[in-house]
Amino acid sequence: LAAEAVDPQDVETLEDLIVVALNDALTKVDETAQSRMGRLTGGM
């Protein structure tokens, strides 16, 4: 977390940003896994 992301008066925004970052990471995980495993399974 960058310092500017932390506002003690607005915890809800930080919570939302963490959810967005987690979902972004999960999307990248899925794309990476599909790419690597897809090469082995021929897309099945």
PDB file of all heavy atoms in Angstrom:
ATOM      1  N   LEU A   1       0.846  -1.188   0.000  1.00  0.00           N
ATOM      2  CA  LEU A   1       0.000   0.000   0.000  1.00  0.00           C
ATOM      3  C   LEU A   1       0.882   1.239   0.000  1.00  0.00           C
ATOM      4  O   LEU A   1       1.731   1.395   0.881  1.00  0.00           O
ATOM      5  CB  LEU A   1      -0.892   0.028   1.247  1.00  0.00           C
ATOM      6  CG  LEU A   1      -1.740  -1.215   1.524  1.00  0.00           C
ATOM      7  CD1 LEU A   1      -2.429  -1.092   2.880  1.00  0.00           C
ATOM      8  CD2 LEU A   1      -2.751  -1.418   0.420  1.00  0.00           C
ATOM      9  N   ALA A   2       0.671   2.111  -0.963  1.00  0.00           N
ATOM     10  CA  ALA A   2       1.372   3.399  -0.952  1.00  0.00           C
ATOM     11  C   ALA A   2       0.732   4.269   0.128  1.00  0.00           C
ATOM     12  O   ALA A   2      -0.460   4.143   0.427  1.00  0.00           O
ATOM     13  CB  ALA A   2       1.255   4.075  -2.314  1.00  0.00           C
ATOM     14  N   ALA A   3       1.521   5.144   0.705  1.00  0.00           N
ATOM     15  CA  ALA A   3       1.029   5.989   1.801  1.00  0.00           C
ATOM     16  C   ALA A   3      -0.218   6.761   1.397  1.00  0.00           C
ATOM     17  O   ALA A   3      -1.156   6.904   2.193  1.00  0.00           O
ATOM     18  CB  ALA A   3       2.131   6.943   2.256  1.00  0.00           C
ATOM     19  N   GLU A   4      -0.263   7.232   0.150  1.00  0.00           N
ATOM     20  CA  GLU A   4      -1.417   8.031  -0.279  1.00  0.00           C
ATOM     21  C   GLU A   4      -2.707   7.206  -0.412  1.00  0.00           C
ATOM     22  O   GLU A   4      -3.794   7.763  -0.502  1.00  0.00           O
ATOM     23  CB  GLU A   4      -1.132   8.784  -1.584  1.00  0.00           C
ATOM     24  CG  GLU A   4      -0.822   7.907  -2.763  1.00  0.00           C
ATOM     25  CD  GLU A   4       0.670   7.666  -2.981  1.00  0.00           C
ATOM     26  OE1 GLU A   4       1.466   7.797  -2.028  1.00  0.00           O
ATOM     27  OE2 GLU A   4       1.025   7.333  -4.115  1.00  0.00           O
ATOM     28  N   ALA A   5      -2.579   5.885  -0.393  1.00  0.00           N
ATOM     29  CA  ALA A   5      -3.765   5.033  -0.458  1.00  0.00           C
ATOM     30  C   ALA A   5      -4.412   4.854   0.908  1.00  0.00           C
ATOM     31  O   ALA A   5      -5.547   4.409   1.003  1.00  0.00           O
ATOM     32  CB  ALA A   5      -3.402   3.665  -1.029  1.00  0.00           C
ATOM     33  N   VAL A   6      -3.701   5.244   1.962  1.00  0.00           N
ATOM     34  CA  VAL A   6      -4.182   5.014   3.327  1.00  0.00           C
ATOM     35  C   VAL A   6      -4.704   6.329   3.910  1.00  0.00           C
ATOM     36  O   VAL A   6      -3.945   7.239   4.198  1.00  0.00           O
ATOM     37  CB  VAL A   6      -3.052   4.452   4.225  1.00  0.00           C
ATOM     38  CG1 VAL A   6      -3.576   4.192   5.627  1.00  0.00           C
ATOM     39  CG2 VAL A   6      -2.458   3.202   3.609  1.00  0.00           C
ATOM     40  N   ASP A   7      -6.023   6.377   4.041  1.00  0.00           N
ATOM     41  CA  ASP A   7      -6.687   7.528   4.663  1.00  0.00           C
ATOM     42  C   ASP A   7      -7.533   6.996   5.808  1.00  0.00           C
ATOM     43  O   ASP A   7      -8.556   6.347   5.580  1.00  0.00           O
ATOM     44  CB  ASP A   7      -7.563   8.253   3.635  1.00  0.00           C
ATOM     45  CG  ASP A   7      -8.299   9.445   4.222  1.00  0.00           C
ATOM     46  OD1 ASP A   7      -8.220   9.681   5.455  1.00  0.00           O
ATOM     47  OD2 ASP A   7      -8.975  10.148   3.441  1.00  0.00           O
ATOM     48  N   PRO A   8      -7.124   7.240   7.050  1.00  0.00           N
ATOM     49  CA  PRO A   8      -7.868   6.712   8.196  1.00  0.00           C
ATOM     50  C   PRO A   8      -9.336   7.136   8.211  1.00  0.00           C
ATOM     51  O   PRO A   8     -10.173   6.461   8.793  1.00  0.00           O
ATOM     52  CB  PRO A   8      -7.132   7.288   9.416  1.00  0.00           C
ATOM     53  CG  PRO A   8      -5.799   7.675   8.912  1.00  0.00           C
ATOM     54  CD  PRO A   8      -5.958   8.001   7.458  1.00  0.00           C
ATOM     55  N   GLN A   9      -9.638   8.230   7.538  1.00  0.00           N
ATOM     56  CA  GLN A   9     -11.025   8.709   7.485  1.00  0.00           C
ATOM     57  C   GLN A   9     -11.842   8.016   6.388  1.00  0.00           C
ATOM     58  O   GLN A   9     -13.052   8.208   6.301  1.00  0.00           O
ATOM     59  CB  GLN A   9     -11.043  10.228   7.237  1.00  0.00           C
ATOM     60  CG  GLN A   9     -10.279  11.026   8.267  1.00  0.00           C
ATOM     61  CD  GLN A   9     -10.804  10.806   9.683  1.00  0.00           C
ATOM     62  OE1 GLN A   9     -12.012  10.823   9.908  1.00  0.00           O
ATOM     63  NE2 GLN A   9      -9.911  10.583  10.637  1.00  0.00           N
ATOM     64  N   ASP A  10     -11.165   7.221   5.531  1.00  0.00           N
ATOM     65  CA  ASP A  10     -11.852   6.595   4.395  1.00  0.00           C
ATOM     66  C   ASP A  10     -11.346   5.164   4.190  1.00  0.00           C
ATOM     67  O   ASP A  10     -10.764   4.828   3.164  1.00  0.00           O
ATOM     68  CB  ASP A  10     -11.638   7.432   3.133  1.00  0.00           C
ATOM     69  CG  ASP A  10     -12.471   6.944   1.963  1.00  0.00           C
ATOM     70  OD1 ASP A  10     -13.355   6.089   2.162  1.00  0.00           O
ATOM     71  OD2 ASP A  10     -12.226   7.408   0.837  1.00  0.00           O
ATOM     72  N   VAL A  11     -11.579   4.328   5.167  1.00  0.00           N
ATOM     73  CA  VAL A  11     -11.133   2.938   5.123  1.00  0.00           C
ATOM     74  C   VAL A  11     -11.854   2.173   4.018  1.00  0.00           C
ATOM     75  O   VAL A  11     -11.272   1.290   3.373  1.00  0.00           O
ATOM     76  CB  VAL A  11     -11.331   2.258   6.500  1.00  0.00           C
ATOM     77  CG1 VAL A  11     -11.019   0.778   6.438  1.00  0.00           C
ATOM     78  CG2 VAL A  11     -10.463   2.947   7.542  1.00  0.00           C
ATOM     79  N   GLU A  12     -13.104   2.513   3.755  1.00  0.00           N
ATOM     80  CA  GLU A  12     -13.886   1.804   2.742  1.00  0.00           C
ATOM     81  C   GLU A  12     -13.243   1.879   1.361  1.00  0.00           C
ATOM     82  O   GLU A  12     -13.237   0.889   0.628  1.00  0.00           O
ATOM     83  CB  GLU A  12     -15.309   2.336   2.688  1.00  0.00           C
ATOM     84  CG  GLU A  12     -16.138   1.942   3.898  1.00  0.00           C
ATOM     85  CD  GLU A  12     -17.545   2.508   3.853  1.00  0.00           C
ATOM     86  OE1 GLU A  12     -17.946   3.071   2.817  1.00  0.00           O
ATOM     87  OE2 GLU A  12     -18.243   2.364   4.863  1.00  0.00           O
ATOM     88  N   THR A  13     -12.704   3.005   0.997  1.00  0.00           N
ATOM     89  CA  THR A  13     -12.047   3.130  -0.313  1.00  0.00           C
ATOM     90  C   THR A  13     -10.832   2.224  -0.378  1.00  0.00           C
ATOM     91  O   THR A  13     -10.616   1.547  -1.393  1.00  0.00           O
ATOM     92  CB  THR A  13     -11.657   4.596  -0.594  1.00  0.00           C
ATOM     93  OG1 THR A  13     -12.846   5.374  -0.673  1.00  0.00           O
ATOM     94  CG2 THR A  13     -10.885   4.726  -1.895  1.00  0.00           C
ATOM     95  N   LEU A  14     -10.054   2.174   0.673  1.00  0.00           N
ATOM     96  CA  LEU A  14      -8.889   1.287   0.696  1.00  0.00           C
ATOM     97  C   LEU A  14      -9.324  -0.168   0.570  1.00  0.00           C
ATOM     98  O   LEU A  14      -8.726  -0.940  -0.175  1.00  0.00           O
ATOM     99  CB  LEU A  14      -8.071   1.497   1.970  1.00  0.00           C
ATOM    100  CG  LEU A  14      -6.847   0.597   2.139  1.00  0.00           C
ATOM    101  CD1 LEU A  14      -5.891   0.739   0.952  1.00  0.00           C
ATOM    102  CD2 LEU A  14      -6.137   0.924   3.438  1.00  0.00           C
ATOM    103  N   GLU A  15     -10.369  -0.548   1.281  1.00  0.00           N
ATOM    104  CA  GLU A  15     -10.884  -1.913   1.176  1.00  0.00           C
ATOM    105  C   GLU A  15     -11.291  -2.222  -0.266  1.00  0.00           C
ATOM    106  O   GLU A  15     -10.985  -3.297  -0.796  1.00  0.00           O
ATOM    107  CB  GLU A  15     -12.075  -2.108   2.119  1.00  0.00           C
ATOM    108  CG  GLU A  15     -11.691  -2.082   3.581  1.00  0.00           C
ATOM    109  CD  GLU A  15     -12.890  -2.016   4.523  1.00  0.00           C
ATOM    110  OE1 GLU A  15     -14.004  -1.653   4.075  1.00  0.00           O
ATOM    111  OE2 GLU A  15     -12.701  -2.323   5.711  1.00  0.00           O
ATOM    112  N   ASP A  16     -11.978  -1.279  -0.906  1.00  0.00           N
ATOM    113  CA  ASP A  16     -12.387  -1.465  -2.299  1.00  0.00           C
ATOM    114  C   ASP A  16     -11.178  -1.608  -3.223  1.00  0.00           C
ATOM    115  O   ASP A  16     -11.176  -2.437  -4.137  1.00  0.00           O
ATOM    116  CB  ASP A  16     -13.259  -0.295  -2.774  1.00  0.00           C
ATOM    117  CG  ASP A  16     -14.625  -0.264  -2.106  1.00  0.00           C
ATOM    118  OD1 ASP A  16     -15.048  -1.292  -1.529  1.00  0.00           O
ATOM    119  OD2 ASP A  16     -15.270   0.812  -2.158  1.00  0.00           O
ATOM    120  N   LEU A  17     -10.146  -0.812  -2.996  1.00  0.00           N
ATOM    121  CA  LEU A  17      -8.946  -0.878  -3.822  1.00  0.00           C
ATOM    122  C   LEU A  17      -8.237  -2.223  -3.659  1.00  0.00           C
ATOM    123  O   LEU A  17      -7.705  -2.780  -4.628  1.00  0.00           O
ATOM    124  CB  LEU A  17      -7.998   0.274  -3.505  1.00  0.00           C
ATOM    125  CG  LEU A  17      -8.484   1.666  -3.920  1.00  0.00           C
ATOM    126  CD1 LEU A  17      -7.510   2.737  -3.415  1.00  0.00           C
ATOM    127  CD2 LEU A  17      -8.663   1.760  -5.422  1.00  0.00           C
ATOM    128  N   ILE A  18      -8.226  -2.756  -2.458  1.00  0.00           N
ATOM    129  CA  ILE A  18      -7.613  -4.068  -2.223  1.00  0.00           C
ATOM    130  C   ILE A  18      -8.390  -5.142  -2.979  1.00  0.00           C
ATOM    131  O   ILE A  18      -7.797  -6.019  -3.614  1.00  0.00           O
ATOM    132  CB  ILE A  18      -7.521  -4.380  -0.713  1.00  0.00           C
ATOM    133  CG1 ILE A  18      -6.509  -3.433  -0.047  1.00  0.00           C
ATOM    134  CG2 ILE A  18      -7.130  -5.836  -0.476  1.00  0.00           C
ATOM    135  CD1 ILE A  18      -6.508  -3.479   1.469  1.00  0.00           C
ATOM    136  N   VAL A  19      -9.709  -5.054  -2.961  1.00  0.00           N
ATOM    137  CA  VAL A  19     -10.529  -6.013  -3.713  1.00  0.00           C
ATOM    138  C   VAL A  19     -10.231  -5.910  -5.205  1.00  0.00           C
ATOM    139  O   VAL A  19     -10.063  -6.931  -5.883  1.00  0.00           O
ATOM    140  CB  VAL A  19     -12.036  -5.783  -3.421  1.00  0.00           C
ATOM    141  CG1 VAL A  19     -12.904  -6.586  -4.386  1.00  0.00           C
ATOM    142  CG2 VAL A  19     -12.360  -6.151  -1.993  1.00  0.00           C
ATOM    143  N   VAL A  20     -10.142  -4.704  -5.727  1.00  0.00           N
ATOM    144  CA  VAL A  20      -9.834  -4.505  -7.155  1.00  0.00           C
ATOM    145  C   VAL A  20      -8.470  -5.100  -7.490  1.00  0.00           C
ATOM    146  O   VAL A  20      -8.314  -5.804  -8.495  1.00  0.00           O
ATOM    147  CB  VAL A  20      -9.893  -3.005  -7.525  1.00  0.00           C
ATOM    148  CG1 VAL A  20      -9.319  -2.764  -8.915  1.00  0.00           C
ATOM    149  CG2 VAL A  20     -11.324  -2.491  -7.448  1.00  0.00           C
ATOM    150  N   ALA A  21      -7.473  -4.847  -6.649  1.00  0.00           N
ATOM    151  CA  ALA A  21      -6.126  -5.375  -6.895  1.00  0.00           C
ATOM    152  C   ALA A  21      -6.112  -6.904  -6.827  1.00  0.00           C
ATOM    153  O   ALA A  21      -5.460  -7.562  -7.645  1.00  0.00           O
ATOM    154  CB  ALA A  21      -5.126  -4.778  -5.900  1.00  0.00           C
ATOM    155  N   LEU A  22      -6.827  -7.481  -5.873  1.00  0.00           N
ATOM    156  CA  LEU A  22      -6.912  -8.946  -5.779  1.00  0.00           C
ATOM    157  C   LEU A  22      -7.575  -9.533  -7.020  1.00  0.00           C
ATOM    158  O   LEU A  22      -7.096 -10.519  -7.589  1.00  0.00           O
ATOM    159  CB  LEU A  22      -7.689  -9.364  -4.530  1.00  0.00           C
ATOM    160  CG  LEU A  22      -6.904  -9.367  -3.229  1.00  0.00           C
ATOM    161  CD1 LEU A  22      -7.842  -9.451  -2.036  1.00  0.00           C
ATOM    162  CD2 LEU A  22      -5.912 -10.511  -3.213  1.00  0.00           C
ATOM    163  N   ASN A  23      -8.670  -8.938  -7.448  1.00  0.00           N
ATOM    164  CA  ASN A  23      -9.350  -9.436  -8.638  1.00  0.00           C
ATOM    165  C   ASN A  23      -8.490  -9.282  -9.888  1.00  0.00           C
ATOM    166  O   ASN A  23      -8.502 -10.149 -10.766  1.00  0.00           O
ATOM    167  CB  ASN A  23     -10.707  -8.751  -8.806  1.00  0.00           C
ATOM    168  CG  ASN A  23     -11.722  -9.265  -7.816  1.00  0.00           C
ATOM    169  OD1 ASN A  23     -11.674 -10.415  -7.388  1.00  0.00           O
ATOM    170  ND2 ASN A  23     -12.652  -8.411  -7.419  1.00  0.00           N
ATOM    171  N   ASP A  24      -7.721  -8.209  -9.965  1.00  0.00           N
ATOM    172  CA  ASP A  24      -6.795  -8.019 -11.087  1.00  0.00           C
ATOM    173  C   ASP A  24      -5.741  -9.121 -11.080  1.00  0.00           C
ATOM    174  O   ASP A  24      -5.431  -9.710 -12.120  1.00  0.00           O
ATOM    175  CB  ASP A  24      -6.151  -6.635 -10.998  1.00  0.00           C
ATOM    176  CG  ASP A  24      -5.283  -6.312 -12.200  1.00  0.00           C
ATOM    177  OD1 ASP A  24      -5.671  -6.630 -13.347  1.00  0.00           O
ATOM    178  OD2 ASP A  24      -4.203  -5.712 -12.003  1.00  0.00           O
ATOM    179  N   ALA A  25      -5.211  -9.428  -9.905  1.00  0.00           N
ATOM    180  CA  ALA A  25      -4.216 -10.501  -9.796  1.00  0.00           C
ATOM    181  C   ALA A  25      -4.831 -11.843 -10.183  1.00  0.00           C
ATOM    182  O   ALA A  25      -4.212 -12.640 -10.900  1.00  0.00           O
ATOM    183  CB  ALA A  25      -3.637 -10.561  -8.378  1.00  0.00           C
ATOM    184  N   LEU A  26      -6.044 -12.124  -9.733  1.00  0.00           N
ATOM    185  CA  LEU A  26      -6.707 -13.380 -10.066  1.00  0.00           C
ATOM    186  C   LEU A  26      -6.939 -13.517 -11.568  1.00  0.00           C
ATOM    187  O   LEU A  26      -6.781 -14.599 -12.133  1.00  0.00           O
ATOM    188  CB  LEU A  26      -8.032 -13.508  -9.306  1.00  0.00           C
ATOM    189  CG  LEU A  26      -7.901 -13.823  -7.824  1.00  0.00           C
ATOM    190  CD1 LEU A  26      -9.241 -13.636  -7.117  1.00  0.00           C
ATOM    191  CD2 LEU A  26      -7.363 -15.228  -7.612  1.00  0.00           C
ATOM    192  N   THR A  27      -7.299 -12.426 -12.210  1.00  0.00           N
ATOM    193  CA  THR A  27      -7.474 -12.451 -13.667  1.00  0.00           C
ATOM    194  C   THR A  27      -6.158 -12.800 -14.341  1.00  0.00           C
ATOM    195  O   THR A  27      -6.114 -13.625 -15.264  1.00  0.00           O
ATOM    196  CB  THR A  27      -7.990 -11.085 -14.167  1.00  0.00           C
ATOM    197  OG1 THR A  27      -9.284 -10.850 -13.596  1.00  0.00           O
ATOM    198  CG2 THR A  27      -8.091 -11.046 -15.684  1.00  0.00           C
ATOM    199  N   LYS A  28      -5.069 -12.208 -13.876  1.00  0.00           N
ATOM    200  CA  LYS A  28      -3.750 -12.503 -14.454  1.00  0.00           C
ATOM    201  C   LYS A  28      -3.330 -13.940 -14.188  1.00  0.00           C
ATOM    202  O   LYS A  28      -2.721 -14.585 -15.038  1.00  0.00           O
ATOM    203  CB  LYS A  28      -2.713 -11.515 -13.923  1.00  0.00           C
ATOM    204  CG  LYS A  28      -2.930 -10.109 -14.458  1.00  0.00           C
ATOM    205  CD  LYS A  28      -1.963  -9.107 -13.866  1.00  0.00           C
ATOM    206  CE  LYS A  28      -2.236  -7.727 -14.432  1.00  0.00           C
ATOM    207  NZ  LYS A  28      -1.359  -6.710 -13.851  1.00  0.00           N
ATOM    208  N   VAL A  29      -3.655 -14.453 -13.006  1.00  0.00           N
ATOM    209  CA  VAL A  29      -3.371 -15.858 -12.681  1.00  0.00           C
ATOM    210  C   VAL A  29      -4.100 -16.769 -13.667  1.00  0.00           C
ATOM    211  O   VAL A  29      -3.510 -17.685 -14.238  1.00  0.00           O
ATOM    212  CB  VAL A  29      -3.787 -16.187 -11.230  1.00  0.00           C
ATOM    213  CG1 VAL A  29      -3.896 -17.683 -11.002  1.00  0.00           C
ATOM    214  CG2 VAL A  29      -2.802 -15.585 -10.235  1.00  0.00           C
ATOM    215  N   ASP A  30      -5.390 -16.507 -13.858  1.00  0.00           N
ATOM    216  CA  ASP A  30      -6.183 -17.343 -14.764  1.00  0.00           C
ATOM    217  C   ASP A  30      -5.648 -17.285 -16.192  1.00  0.00           C
ATOM    218  O   ASP A  30      -5.544 -18.310 -16.863  1.00  0.00           O
ATOM    219  CB  ASP A  30      -7.654 -16.925 -14.739  1.00  0.00           C
ATOM    220  CG  ASP A  30      -8.342 -17.274 -13.434  1.00  0.00           C
ATOM    221  OD1 ASP A  30      -7.811 -18.113 -12.664  1.00  0.00           O
ATOM    222  OD2 ASP A  30      -9.419 -16.706 -13.169  1.00  0.00           O
ATOM    223  N   GLU A  31      -5.296 -16.091 -16.659  1.00  0.00           N
ATOM    224  CA  GLU A  31      -4.765 -15.952 -18.018  1.00  0.00           C
ATOM    225  C   GLU A  31      -3.449 -16.704 -18.168  1.00  0.00           C
ATOM    226  O   GLU A  31      -3.219 -17.381 -19.172  1.00  0.00           O
ATOM    227  CB  GLU A  31      -4.574 -14.472 -18.356  1.00  0.00           C
ATOM    228  CG  GLU A  31      -5.870 -13.718 -18.529  1.00  0.00           C
ATOM    229  CD  GLU A  31      -5.689 -12.211 -18.607  1.00  0.00           C
ATOM    230  OE1 GLU A  31      -4.555 -11.700 -18.389  1.00  0.00           O
ATOM    231  OE2 GLU A  31      -6.691 -11.520 -18.871  1.00  0.00           O
ATOM    232  N   THR A  32      -2.593 -16.596 -17.172  1.00  0.00           N
ATOM    233  CA  THR A  32      -1.296 -17.275 -17.220  1.00  0.00           C
ATOM    234  C   THR A  32      -1.484 -18.785 -17.206  1.00  0.00           C
ATOM    235  O   THR A  32      -0.868 -19.511 -17.987  1.00  0.00           O
ATOM    236  CB  THR A  32      -0.409 -16.834 -16.030  1.00  0.00           C
ATOM    237  OG1 THR A  32      -0.245 -15.415 -16.087  1.00  0.00           O
ATOM    238  CG2 THR A  32       0.946 -17.502 -16.079  1.00  0.00           C
ATOM    239  N   ALA A  33      -2.356 -19.272 -16.324  1.00  0.00           N
ATOM    240  CA  ALA A  33      -2.602 -20.712 -16.227  1.00  0.00           C
ATOM    241  C   ALA A  33      -3.210 -21.250 -17.516  1.00  0.00           C
ATOM    242  O   ALA A  33      -2.787 -22.299 -18.014  1.00  0.00           O
ATOM    243  CB  ALA A  33      -3.508 -21.019 -15.039  1.00  0.00           C
ATOM    244  N   GLN A  34      -4.178 -20.553 -18.069  1.00  0.00           N
ATOM    245  CA  GLN A  34      -4.805 -21.008 -19.303  1.00  0.00           C
ATOM    246  C   GLN A  34      -3.800 -21.038 -20.443  1.00  0.00           C
ATOM    247  O   GLN A  34      -3.793 -21.965 -21.251  1.00  0.00           O
ATOM    248  CB  GLN A  34      -5.990 -20.119 -19.664  1.00  0.00           C
ATOM    249  CG  GLN A  34      -7.185 -20.355 -18.774  1.00  0.00           C
ATOM    250  CD  GLN A  34      -8.343 -19.437 -19.096  1.00  0.00           C
ATOM    251  OE1 GLN A  34      -8.296 -18.646 -20.018  1.00  0.00           O
ATOM    252  NE2 GLN A  34      -9.408 -19.546 -18.307  1.00  0.00           N
ATOM    253  N   SER A  35      -2.937 -20.054 -20.486  1.00  0.00           N
ATOM    254  CA  SER A  35      -1.928 -20.009 -21.539  1.00  0.00           C
ATOM    255  C   SER A  35      -0.961 -21.185 -21.440  1.00  0.00           C
ATOM    256  O   SER A  35      -0.701 -21.885 -22.420  1.00  0.00           O
ATOM    257  CB  SER A  35      -1.162 -18.688 -21.455  1.00  0.00           C
ATOM    258  OG  SER A  35      -0.067 -18.686 -22.333  1.00  0.00           O
ATOM    259  N   ARG A  36      -0.453 -21.406 -20.246  1.00  0.00           N
ATOM    260  CA  ARG A  36       0.537 -22.483 -20.075  1.00  0.00           C
ATOM    261  C   ARG A  36      -0.072 -23.870 -20.181  1.00  0.00           C
ATOM    262  O   ARG A  36       0.485 -24.750 -20.818  1.00  0.00           O
ATOM    263  CB  ARG A  36       1.260 -22.326 -18.747  1.00  0.00           C
ATOM    264  CG  ARG A  36       2.141 -21.103 -18.752  1.00  0.00           C
ATOM    265  CD  ARG A  36       3.121 -21.098 -17.638  1.00  0.00           C
ATOM    266  NE  ARG A  36       3.844 -19.843 -17.658  1.00  0.00           N
ATOM    267  CZ  ARG A  36       4.626 -19.436 -16.699  1.00  0.00           C
ATOM    268  NH1 ARG A  36       4.814 -20.188 -15.647  1.00  0.00           N
ATOM    269  NH2 ARG A  36       5.248 -18.287 -16.791  1.00  0.00           N
ATOM    270  N   MET A  37      -1.204 -24.071 -19.546  1.00  0.00           N
ATOM    271  CA  MET A  37      -1.825 -25.396 -19.575  1.00  0.00           C
ATOM    272  C   MET A  37      -2.460 -25.662 -20.937  1.00  0.00           C
ATOM    273  O   MET A  37      -2.501 -26.795 -21.394  1.00  0.00           O
ATOM    274  CB  MET A  37      -2.856 -25.530 -18.460  1.00  0.00           C
ATOM    275  CG  MET A  37      -2.248 -25.427 -17.066  1.00  0.00           C
ATOM    276  SD  MET A  37      -0.897 -26.575 -16.748  1.00  0.00           S
ATOM    277  CE  MET A  37      -1.828 -27.972 -16.197  1.00  0.00           C
ATOM    278  N   GLY A  38      -2.943 -24.609 -21.589  1.00  0.00           N
ATOM    279  CA  GLY A  38      -3.556 -24.768 -22.902  1.00  0.00           C
ATOM    280  C   GLY A  38      -2.584 -25.312 -23.925  1.00  0.00           C
ATOM    281  O   GLY A  38      -2.964 -26.048 -24.841  1.00  0.00           O
ATOM    282  N   ARG A  39      -1.321 -24.957 -23.780  1.00  0.00           N
ATOM    283  CA  ARG A  39      -0.298 -25.490 -24.693  1.00  0.00           C
ATOM    284  C   ARG A  39      -0.187 -27.005 -24.568  1.00  0.00           C
ATOM    285  O   ARG A  39       0.085 -27.694 -25.543  1.00  0.00           O
ATOM    286  CB  ARG A  39       1.062 -24.853 -24.411  1.00  0.00           C
ATOM    287  CG  ARG A  39       1.187 -23.449 -24.974  1.00  0.00           C
ATOM    288  CD  ARG A  39       2.591 -22.909 -24.770  1.00  0.00           C
ATOM    289  NE  ARG A  39       2.470 -21.823 -23.805  1.00  0.00           N
ATOM    290  CZ  ARG A  39       3.335 -21.517 -22.883  1.00  0.00           C
ATOM    291  NH1 ARG A  39       4.432 -22.200 -22.744  1.00  0.00           N
ATOM    292  NH2 ARG A  39       3.133 -20.512 -22.066  1.00  0.00           N
ATOM    293  N   LEU A  40      -0.389 -27.510 -23.351  1.00  0.00           N
ATOM    294  CA  LEU A  40      -0.269 -28.953 -23.129  1.00  0.00           C
ATOM    295  C   LEU A  40      -1.529 -29.711 -23.512  1.00  0.00           C
ATOM    296  O   LEU A  40      -1.458 -30.848 -23.958  1.00  0.00           O
ATOM    297  CB  LEU A  40       0.042 -29.233 -21.652  1.00  0.00           C
ATOM    298  CG  LEU A  40       1.395 -28.754 -21.153  1.00  0.00           C
ATOM    299  CD1 LEU A  40       1.500 -28.988 -19.658  1.00  0.00           C
ATOM    300  CD2 LEU A  40       2.518 -29.470 -21.879  1.00  0.00           C
ATOM    301  N   THR A  41      -2.673 -29.072 -23.326  1.00  0.00           N
ATOM    302  CA  THR A  41      -3.937 -29.774 -23.556  1.00  0.00           C
ATOM    303  C   THR A  41      -4.514 -29.508 -24.933  1.00  0.00           C
ATOM    304  O   THR A  41      -5.579 -30.018 -25.260  1.00  0.00           O
ATOM    305  CB  THR A  41      -4.977 -29.370 -22.492  1.00  0.00           C
ATOM    306  OG1 THR A  41      -5.254 -27.968 -22.629  1.00  0.00           O
ATOM    307  CG2 THR A  41      -4.506 -29.700 -21.094  1.00  0.00           C
ATOM    308  N   GLY A  42      -3.831 -28.685 -25.717  1.00  0.00           N
ATOM    309  CA  GLY A  42      -4.342 -28.357 -27.039  1.00  0.00           C
ATOM    310  C   GLY A  42      -5.638 -27.575 -26.984  1.00  0.00           C
ATOM    311  O   GLY A  42      -6.445 -27.632 -27.893  1.00  0.00           O
ATOM    312  N   GLY A  43      -5.838 -26.847 -25.900  1.00  0.00           N
ATOM    313  CA  GLY A  43      -7.031 -26.026 -25.757  1.00  0.00           C
ATOM    314  C   GLY A  43      -8.218 -26.746 -25.151  1.00  0.00           C
ATOM    315  O   GLY A  43      -9.258 -26.143 -24.915  1.00  0.00           O
ATOM    316  N   MET A  44      -8.090 -28.052 -24.883  1.00  0.00           N
ATOM    317  CA  MET A  44      -9.198 -28.780 -24.265  1.00  0.00           C
ATOM    318  C   MET A  44      -9.364 -28.315 -22.828  1.00  0.00           C
ATOM    319  O   MET A  44      -8.391 -28.068 -22.133  1.00  0.00           O
ATOM    320  CB  MET A  44      -8.918 -30.296 -24.249  1.00  0.00           C
ATOM    321  CG  MET A  44      -8.865 -30.938 -25.585  1.00  0.00           C
ATOM    322  SD  MET A  44      -8.652 -32.729 -25.476  1.00  0.00           S
ATOM    323  CE  MET A  44      -7.274 -32.945 -24.365  1.00  0.00           C
TER     324      MET A  44
END
